[in-house]
C-alpha cells in the first residue's frame, strides 16, 4: 500500500479579503500575506490524501494518521471523518470497511487552519501515514510498516506550505527610487565635472 499527500487548495483571509489558490497534486505551495495584515490573517489548507494498492491482493485501510504540525489547528466541524487523539494526532477510519483491490486508489480530504502572527511565518511541513491496515490473507506490506513514522517508506508522505510576508511591491518601489536617485547623482556629477573642466 502506498500513501501520497498533496495540497489541493489554500485560502488566505484577512479583513474583508479572501484569496483562494487551487493546486493539482502539489507537494509544495507558497502564499504571501501583506505585512500590515499578517497578525489578522488566517490560512486554511486543504490536503488530499490518496491511498493506492500497489500489491496483488485486496487490502483494508483501517486507519490513516496525520501528524498535525505545530501551529496548525484541527476543527472537527470541517473534518467530519477525522477525530483527534489526546496526543494531538488525528485519525481517519472512513475507509475501514472498503476493500481496496489491486491497482485501486481511494482518497480522503483533510482541512487544517493556521492563525497567523507576526512571528509564525515559514514552512509548514505536514506528514500523513497509514496507521493500521489489514488483508484477509494476513500478509504484511513488503516495503513499509504502518505507524512507524519512517519517512523513507511509501506509506508515509508529506506536503509543505510556505507562508511568507508579501514584500514584492515594497522591493519594486525601493528599486525604482534607488535607480532615480542614482541617475540624478550621476547627472549632477557629470555637470559638476564638466563645469570644473571649463574653469580649468
Protein backbone atom coordinates (compact mmCIF):
# COMPACT_ATOMS: atom_id res chain seq x y z
CA UNK A 1 0.00 0.00 0.00
CA UNK A 2 1.18 3.48 -0.88
CA UNK A 3 0.07 6.82 0.59
CA UNK A 4 0.51 10.17 -1.16
CA UNK A 5 -0.30 13.53 0.35
CA UNK A 6 -0.98 16.66 -1.72
CA UNK A 7 -2.15 20.23 -1.26
CA UNK A 8 -5.41 20.81 -3.12
CA UNK A 9 -6.19 24.40 -2.03
CA UNK A 10 -5.12 27.21 0.29
CA UNK A 11 -7.41 30.03 1.40
CA UNK A 12 -5.92 33.15 2.96
CA UNK A 13 -8.27 35.56 4.77
CA UNK A 14 -7.56 38.95 6.37
CA UNK A 15 -10.00 41.79 6.91
CA UNK A 16 -12.53 41.65 4.07
CA UNK A 17 -10.07 39.93 1.74
CA UNK A 18 -10.40 36.24 0.85
CA UNK A 19 -7.89 34.71 -1.59
CA UNK A 20 -8.19 31.06 -2.61
CA UNK A 21 -5.45 29.24 -4.53
CA UNK A 22 -6.12 25.83 -6.11
CA UNK A 23 -3.47 23.24 -6.87
CA UNK A 24 -3.26 19.98 -8.79
CA UNK A 25 -1.39 17.34 -6.78
CA UNK A 26 1.09 19.82 -5.39
CA UNK A 27 3.62 18.75 -2.75
CA UNK A 28 4.79 22.34 -2.23
CA UNK A 29 2.80 25.58 -2.30
CA UNK A 30 3.59 29.16 -1.35
CA UNK A 31 1.33 32.01 -0.27
CA UNK A 32 2.17 35.59 0.63
CA UNK A 33 0.42 37.86 3.11
CA UNK A 34 0.82 41.67 3.30
CA UNK A 35 2.92 42.68 6.32
CA UNK A 36 0.26 45.02 7.69
CA UNK A 37 -2.38 42.22 7.61
CA UNK A 38 -0.25 39.41 8.98
CA UNK A 39 -1.47 39.46 12.57
CA UNK A 40 -5.14 39.25 11.50
CA UNK A 41 -4.71 36.63 8.78
CA UNK A 42 -5.89 33.02 8.77
CA UNK A 43 -4.54 30.36 6.41
CA UNK A 44 -6.80 27.39 5.60
CA UNK A 45 -5.09 24.44 3.91
CA UNK A 46 -6.98 21.59 2.27
CA UNK A 47 -4.95 18.42 1.82
CA UNK A 48 -5.78 15.40 -0.32
CA UNK A 49 -4.52 12.03 0.90
CA UNK A 50 -4.51 9.25 -1.70
CA UNK A 51 -4.02 5.58 -0.81
CA UNK A 52 -3.14 3.17 -3.63
CA UNK A 53 -2.98 -0.62 -3.54
CA UNK A 54 0.18 -1.49 -5.46
CA UNK A 55 0.02 -5.16 -4.45
CA UNK A 56 -1.72 -8.20 -5.86
CA UNK A 57 -4.31 -8.75 -3.11
CA UNK A 58 -7.15 -6.67 -1.67
CA UNK A 59 -6.48 -4.59 1.45
CA UNK A 60 -8.46 -2.61 4.01
CA UNK A 61 -7.25 0.78 5.22
CA UNK A 62 -8.35 0.56 8.82
CA UNK A 63 -6.89 3.89 9.88
CA UNK A 64 -4.90 6.85 8.50
CA UNK A 65 -2.99 9.19 10.81
CA UNK A 66 -2.00 12.81 10.25
CA UNK A 67 0.76 14.25 12.42
CA UNK A 68 -0.60 17.78 12.78
CA UNK A 69 2.33 20.24 12.72
CA UNK A 70 2.84 22.81 15.45
CA UNK A 71 0.72 25.92 14.91
CA UNK A 72 -1.90 24.17 12.77
CA UNK A 73 -5.38 23.66 14.20
CA UNK A 74 -7.81 20.81 13.65
CA UNK A 75 -11.53 21.59 13.54
CA UNK A 76 -13.95 18.65 13.68
CA UNK A 77 -16.65 20.77 12.03
CA UNK A 78 -14.53 20.97 8.87
CA UNK A 79 -13.42 17.33 9.06
CA UNK A 80 -16.38 15.02 9.70
CA UNK A 81 -14.40 11.83 9.00
CA UNK A 82 -11.48 12.71 11.30
CA UNK A 83 -11.03 12.68 15.07
CA UNK A 84 -8.22 13.92 17.32
CA UNK A 85 -6.47 11.85 19.97
CA UNK A 86 -5.09 13.10 23.26
CA UNK A 87 -1.57 13.25 21.82
CA UNK A 88 -2.68 15.74 19.14
CA UNK A 89 -2.51 13.39 16.16
CA UNK A 90 -5.67 12.99 14.08
CA UNK A 91 -7.13 9.82 12.59
CA UNK A 92 -9.43 8.83 9.74
CA UNK A 93 -11.28 5.48 9.65
CA UNK A 94 -13.69 6.25 6.80
CA UNK A 95 -12.11 3.59 4.54
CA UNK A 96 -12.10 0.85 7.20
CA UNK A 97 -14.86 -1.19 5.54
CA UNK A 98 -13.80 -0.52 1.95
CA UNK A 99 -11.78 -3.26 0.26
CA UNK A 100 -9.11 -1.67 -1.88
CA UNK A 101 -8.46 -4.06 -4.74
CA UNK A 102 -5.17 -4.36 -6.60
CA UNK A 103 -4.45 -1.17 -8.58
CA UNK A 104 -7.27 0.82 -6.95
CA UNK A 105 -6.93 4.17 -5.19
CA UNK A 106 -9.10 5.94 -2.64
CA UNK A 107 -8.75 9.44 -1.27
CA UNK A 108 -9.71 11.41 1.80
CA UNK A 109 -9.61 15.15 2.44
CA UNK A 110 -8.25 16.99 5.46
CA UNK A 111 -8.55 20.70 6.27
CA UNK A 112 -6.28 22.43 8.79
CA UNK A 113 -6.08 26.12 9.76
CA UNK A 114 -3.29 28.38 10.93
CA UNK A 115 -3.88 31.65 12.75
CA UNK A 116 -1.07 33.97 11.72
CA UNK A 117 1.01 36.25 13.91
CA UNK A 118 3.93 38.50 13.09
CA UNK A 119 6.38 35.76 14.02
CA UNK A 120 5.00 32.43 12.75
CA UNK A 121 5.63 32.62 9.01
CA UNK A 122 7.81 29.98 7.37
CA UNK A 123 7.44 26.37 6.19
CA UNK A 124 4.59 24.20 7.46
CA UNK A 125 5.56 20.55 6.95
CA UNK A 126 2.65 18.12 7.32
CA UNK A 127 3.02 14.32 7.31
CA UNK A 128 0.40 11.60 6.98
CA UNK A 129 0.86 7.85 7.28
CA UNK A 130 -1.03 4.58 7.09
CA UNK A 131 -1.68 3.74 10.74
CA UNK A 132 -3.45 0.40 10.51
CA UNK A 133 -4.02 -1.86 7.50
CA UNK A 134 -5.42 -5.34 7.05
CA UNK A 135 -5.93 -8.03 4.45
CA UNK A 136 -7.75 -11.38 4.67
CA UNK A 137 -4.58 -13.32 3.85
CA UNK A 138 -2.69 -11.79 6.77
CA UNK A 139 0.22 -10.74 4.53
CA UNK A 140 2.34 -7.78 5.67
CA UNK A 141 3.40 -4.98 3.31
CA UNK A 142 6.81 -5.76 1.81
CA UNK A 143 8.24 -2.22 1.80
CA UNK A 144 6.62 -0.34 4.70
CA UNK A 145 5.40 -0.71 8.26
CA UNK A 146 2.29 1.18 9.41
CA UNK A 147 2.58 3.83 12.14
CA UNK A 148 6.38 3.69 12.48
CA UNK A 149 6.99 7.32 11.36
CA UNK A 150 9.74 6.37 8.90
CA UNK A 151 9.68 8.99 6.15
CA UNK A 152 11.54 6.87 3.57
CA UNK A 153 8.72 4.35 3.34
CA UNK A 154 5.97 4.75 0.74
CA UNK A 155 3.13 4.54 3.27
CA UNK A 156 4.10 7.98 4.59
CA UNK A 157 4.00 11.25 2.69
CA UNK A 158 4.48 14.97 3.37
CA UNK A 159 3.31 18.24 1.84
CA UNK A 160 4.83 21.67 2.55
CA UNK A 161 3.22 25.10 2.65
CA UNK A 162 5.47 28.16 2.62
CA UNK A 163 3.85 31.22 4.23
CA UNK A 164 5.77 34.45 3.73
CA UNK A 165 5.38 38.21 4.02
CA UNK A 166 4.43 39.93 0.78
CA UNK A 167 7.28 42.30 0.01
CA UNK A 168 7.15 42.45 -3.79
CA UNK A 169 5.69 45.97 -4.15
CA UNK A 170 7.96 47.45 -1.49
CA UNK A 171 11.03 45.98 -3.19
CA UNK A 172 9.96 47.31 -6.61
CA UNK A 173 9.30 50.80 -5.24
CA UNK A 174 12.65 50.79 -3.42
CA UNK A 175 14.48 49.74 -6.59
CA UNK A 176 12.75 52.44 -8.66
CA UNK A 177 13.51 55.16 -6.11
CA UNK A 178 17.13 53.99 -5.78
CA UNK A 179 17.56 53.98 -9.57
CA UNK A 180 16.15 57.52 -9.90
CA UNK A 181 18.37 58.82 -7.09
CA UNK A 182 21.47 57.22 -8.64
CA UNK A 183 20.55 58.69 -12.03
CA UNK A 184 20.16 62.19 -10.51
CA UNK A 185 23.50 61.86 -8.69
CA UNK A 186 25.15 60.64 -11.89
CA UNK A 187 23.81 63.59 -13.92
CA UNK A 188 24.84 66.05 -11.18
CA UNK A 189 28.38 64.63 -11.02
CA UNK A 190 28.64 64.84 -14.82
CA UNK A 191 27.69 68.54 -14.93
CA UNK A 192 29.89 69.41 -11.95
CA UNK A 193 32.90 67.78 -13.63
CA UNK A 194 32.06 69.47 -16.92
CA UNK A 195 31.92 72.90 -15.28
CA UNK A 196 35.16 72.27 -13.40
CA UNK A 197 36.94 71.29 -16.64
CA UNK A 198 35.70 74.50 -18.35
CA UNK A 199 37.00 76.65 -15.49
CA UNK A 200 40.36 74.89 -15.62
